[in-house]
């Protein structure tokens, strides 16, 4: 398994995801979205697995600030996600071509 957790250190669900993998002694790479966002390749891979709109946190300050309710085009949304990591729902957990958003231990169990 090659687990990557994209999240924010202060996020409760991100902490729970990290704890899930630590308790099972599964190595993972943590990427803090407040420091470094997803690359274009990572974004495309995760979006292919779960859908671009599922990555967007429509409750975030950035979502409201950017008036995302009126942005329909996927390419525009993709560009905004790349430039505004605060738009992501967290944690994003990736295992190769598989991915989840949020705390999903039932899905991760099937990855083991």
C-alpha atoms as a PDB file:
ATOM      1  CA  UNK A   1       0.000   0.000   0.000  1.00  0.00           C
ATOM      2  CA  UNK A   2       1.142   3.490  -0.852  1.00  0.00           C
ATOM      3  CA  UNK A   3      -1.075   5.741   1.289  1.00  0.00           C
ATOM      4  CA  UNK A   4      -1.112   9.517   1.005  1.00  0.00           C
ATOM      5  CA  UNK A   5      -3.213  11.652   3.333  1.00  0.00           C
ATOM      6  CA  UNK A   6      -3.919  15.183   2.149  1.00  0.00           C
ATOM      7  CA  UNK A   7      -5.338  17.251   4.953  1.00  0.00           C
ATOM      8  CA  UNK A   8      -4.959  20.077   7.403  1.00  0.00           C
ATOM      9  CA  UNK A   9      -3.254  19.450  10.751  1.00  0.00           C
ATOM     10  CA  UNK A  10      -6.070  21.119  12.731  1.00  0.00           C
ATOM     11  CA  UNK A  11      -8.842  19.129  10.985  1.00  0.00           C
ATOM     12  CA  UNK A  12     -10.493  16.586  13.292  1.00  0.00           C
ATOM     13  CA  UNK A  13     -11.197  14.066  10.514  1.00  0.00           C
ATOM     14  CA  UNK A  14      -7.628  14.354   9.242  1.00  0.00           C
ATOM     15  CA  UNK A  15      -6.339  13.523  12.731  1.00  0.00           C
ATOM     16  CA  UNK A  16      -8.693  10.530  12.882  1.00  0.00           C
ATOM     17  CA  UNK A  17      -7.459   9.294   9.485  1.00  0.00           C
ATOM     18  CA  UNK A  18      -3.824   9.562  10.603  1.00  0.00           C
ATOM     19  CA  UNK A  19      -4.652   7.696  13.804  1.00  0.00           C
ATOM     20  CA  UNK A  20      -6.422   4.936  11.815  1.00  0.00           C
ATOM     21  CA  UNK A  21      -3.274   4.193   9.779  1.00  0.00           C
ATOM     22  CA  UNK A  22      -0.882   4.628  12.746  1.00  0.00           C
ATOM     23  CA  UNK A  23      -2.856   2.134  14.847  1.00  0.00           C
ATOM     24  CA  UNK A  24      -2.572  -0.453  12.070  1.00  0.00           C
ATOM     25  CA  UNK A  25       1.123   0.320  11.523  1.00  0.00           C
ATOM     26  CA  UNK A  26       0.482   1.261   7.917  1.00  0.00           C
ATOM     27  CA  UNK A  27       3.011   3.731   6.577  1.00  0.00           C
ATOM     28  CA  UNK A  28       1.602   6.853   4.963  1.00  0.00           C
ATOM     29  CA  UNK A  29       2.750  10.179   3.609  1.00  0.00           C
ATOM     30  CA  UNK A  30       1.031  13.254   5.035  1.00  0.00           C
ATOM     31  CA  UNK A  31       0.674  16.364   2.871  1.00  0.00           C
ATOM     32  CA  UNK A  32      -0.510  19.494   4.686  1.00  0.00           C
ATOM     33  CA  UNK A  33      -2.875  21.294   2.326  1.00  0.00           C
ATOM     34  CA  UNK A  34      -2.338  24.577   4.156  1.00  0.00           C
ATOM     35  CA  UNK A  35       1.312  24.418   3.027  1.00  0.00           C
ATOM     36  CA  UNK A  36       1.195  22.511  -0.267  1.00  0.00           C
ATOM     37  CA  UNK A  37      -1.820  21.659  -2.393  1.00  0.00           C
ATOM     38  CA  UNK A  38      -2.363  18.755  -4.743  1.00  0.00           C
ATOM     39  CA  UNK A  39      -0.446  18.750  -8.004  1.00  0.00           C
ATOM     40  CA  UNK A  40      -2.408  18.672 -11.256  1.00  0.00           C
ATOM     41  CA  UNK A  41      -1.663  14.951 -11.665  1.00  0.00           C
ATOM     42  CA  UNK A  42      -2.752  14.161  -8.096  1.00  0.00           C
ATOM     43  CA  UNK A  43      -5.925  16.204  -8.526  1.00  0.00           C
ATOM     44  CA  UNK A  44      -6.821  14.427 -11.765  1.00  0.00           C
ATOM     45  CA  UNK A  45      -6.155  11.019 -10.208  1.00  0.00           C
ATOM     46  CA  UNK A  46      -8.304  11.723  -7.146  1.00  0.00           C
ATOM     47  CA  UNK A  47     -11.046  13.371  -9.221  1.00  0.00           C
ATOM     48  CA  UNK A  48     -11.155  10.304 -11.502  1.00  0.00           C
ATOM     49  CA  UNK A  49     -11.676   8.088  -8.449  1.00  0.00           C
ATOM     50  CA  UNK A  50     -14.313  10.119  -6.615  1.00  0.00           C
ATOM     51  CA  UNK A  51     -15.432  12.999  -8.811  1.00  0.00           C
ATOM     52  CA  UNK A  52     -14.269  16.608  -8.868  1.00  0.00           C
ATOM     53  CA  UNK A  53     -17.345  18.035  -7.131  1.00  0.00           C
ATOM     54  CA  UNK A  54     -16.933  15.618  -4.205  1.00  0.00           C
ATOM     55  CA  UNK A  55     -13.588  17.271  -3.432  1.00  0.00           C
ATOM     56  CA  UNK A  56     -15.083  20.718  -2.942  1.00  0.00           C
ATOM     57  CA  UNK A  57     -16.107  21.856   0.536  1.00  0.00           C
ATOM     58  CA  UNK A  58     -19.112  24.058  -0.158  1.00  0.00           C
ATOM     59  CA  UNK A  59     -19.115  25.179   3.503  1.00  0.00           C
ATOM     60  CA  UNK A  60     -15.626  26.698   3.368  1.00  0.00           C
ATOM     61  CA  UNK A  61     -14.851  30.411   3.522  1.00  0.00           C
ATOM     62  CA  UNK A  62     -13.020  30.193   0.191  1.00  0.00           C
ATOM     63  CA  UNK A  63     -16.071  28.644  -1.481  1.00  0.00           C
ATOM     64  CA  UNK A  64     -18.225  31.598  -0.439  1.00  0.00           C
ATOM     65  CA  UNK A  65     -15.487  34.160  -1.146  1.00  0.00           C
ATOM     66  CA  UNK A  66     -14.984  32.821  -4.700  1.00  0.00           C
ATOM     67  CA  UNK A  67     -18.753  32.623  -5.275  1.00  0.00           C
ATOM     68  CA  UNK A  68     -18.378  28.995  -6.424  1.00  0.00           C
ATOM     69  CA  UNK A  69     -22.149  28.415  -6.595  1.00  0.00           C
ATOM     70  CA  UNK A  70     -22.100  30.136  -9.982  1.00  0.00           C
ATOM     71  CA  UNK A  71     -19.035  28.384 -11.409  1.00  0.00           C
ATOM     72  CA  UNK A  72     -20.154  25.454 -13.524  1.00  0.00           C
ATOM     73  CA  UNK A  73     -17.186  24.529 -15.743  1.00  0.00           C
ATOM     74  CA  UNK A  74     -15.067  21.632 -14.494  1.00  0.00           C
ATOM     75  CA  UNK A  75     -11.845  23.169 -15.832  1.00  0.00           C
ATOM     76  CA  UNK A  76     -12.504  26.406 -13.913  1.00  0.00           C
ATOM     77  CA  UNK A  77     -13.293  24.465 -10.725  1.00  0.00           C
ATOM     78  CA  UNK A  78     -10.132  22.399 -11.213  1.00  0.00           C
ATOM     79  CA  UNK A  79      -8.046  25.558 -11.595  1.00  0.00           C
ATOM     80  CA  UNK A  80      -9.616  27.087  -8.461  1.00  0.00           C
ATOM     81  CA  UNK A  81      -8.888  23.919  -6.457  1.00  0.00           C
ATOM     82  CA  UNK A  82      -5.250  23.956  -7.550  1.00  0.00           C
ATOM     83  CA  UNK A  83      -4.845  27.576  -6.443  1.00  0.00           C
ATOM     84  CA  UNK A  84      -7.013  27.494  -3.289  1.00  0.00           C
ATOM     85  CA  UNK A  85      -6.286  24.448  -1.100  1.00  0.00           C
ATOM     86  CA  UNK A  86      -8.847  25.725   1.421  1.00  0.00           C
ATOM     87  CA  UNK A  87     -11.589  24.558  -0.965  1.00  0.00           C
ATOM     88  CA  UNK A  88     -10.858  20.853  -0.389  1.00  0.00           C
ATOM     89  CA  UNK A  89     -12.907  18.595   1.843  1.00  0.00           C
ATOM     90  CA  UNK A  90     -10.470  16.810   4.118  1.00  0.00           C
ATOM     91  CA  UNK A  91      -8.934  14.385   4.520  1.00  0.00           C
ATOM     92  CA  UNK A  92      -8.297  13.130   1.012  1.00  0.00           C
ATOM     93  CA  UNK A  93      -6.797   9.655   1.346  1.00  0.00           C
ATOM     94  CA  UNK A  94      -5.202   8.137  -1.723  1.00  0.00           C
ATOM     95  CA  UNK A  95      -3.925   4.634  -2.376  1.00  0.00           C
ATOM     96  CA  UNK A  96      -2.673   4.460  -5.963  1.00  0.00           C
ATOM     97  CA  UNK A  97      -5.693   5.045  -8.197  1.00  0.00           C
ATOM     98  CA  UNK A  98      -8.165   4.616  -5.310  1.00  0.00           C
ATOM     99  CA  UNK A  99      -9.190   7.577  -3.174  1.00  0.00           C
ATOM    100  CA  UNK A 100     -11.641   8.713  -0.516  1.00  0.00           C
ATOM    101  CA  UNK A 101     -12.722  12.029   0.936  1.00  0.00           C
ATOM    102  CA  UNK A 102     -13.496  12.317   4.628  1.00  0.00           C
ATOM    103  CA  UNK A 103     -13.103   9.692   7.324  1.00  0.00           C
ATOM    104  CA  UNK A 104     -13.847   6.365   5.562  1.00  0.00           C
ATOM    105  CA  UNK A 105     -12.432   3.460   7.639  1.00  0.00           C
ATOM    106  CA  UNK A 106     -14.783   0.909   6.024  1.00  0.00           C
ATOM    107  CA  UNK A 107     -13.295   1.672   2.618  1.00  0.00           C
ATOM    108  CA  UNK A 108      -9.717   1.729   3.905  1.00  0.00           C
ATOM    109  CA  UNK A 109     -10.215  -1.682   5.521  1.00  0.00           C
ATOM    110  CA  UNK A 110     -10.749  -3.139   2.035  1.00  0.00           C
ATOM    111  CA  UNK A 111      -7.406  -1.681   0.926  1.00  0.00           C
ATOM    112  CA  UNK A 112      -5.442  -3.749   3.470  1.00  0.00           C
END
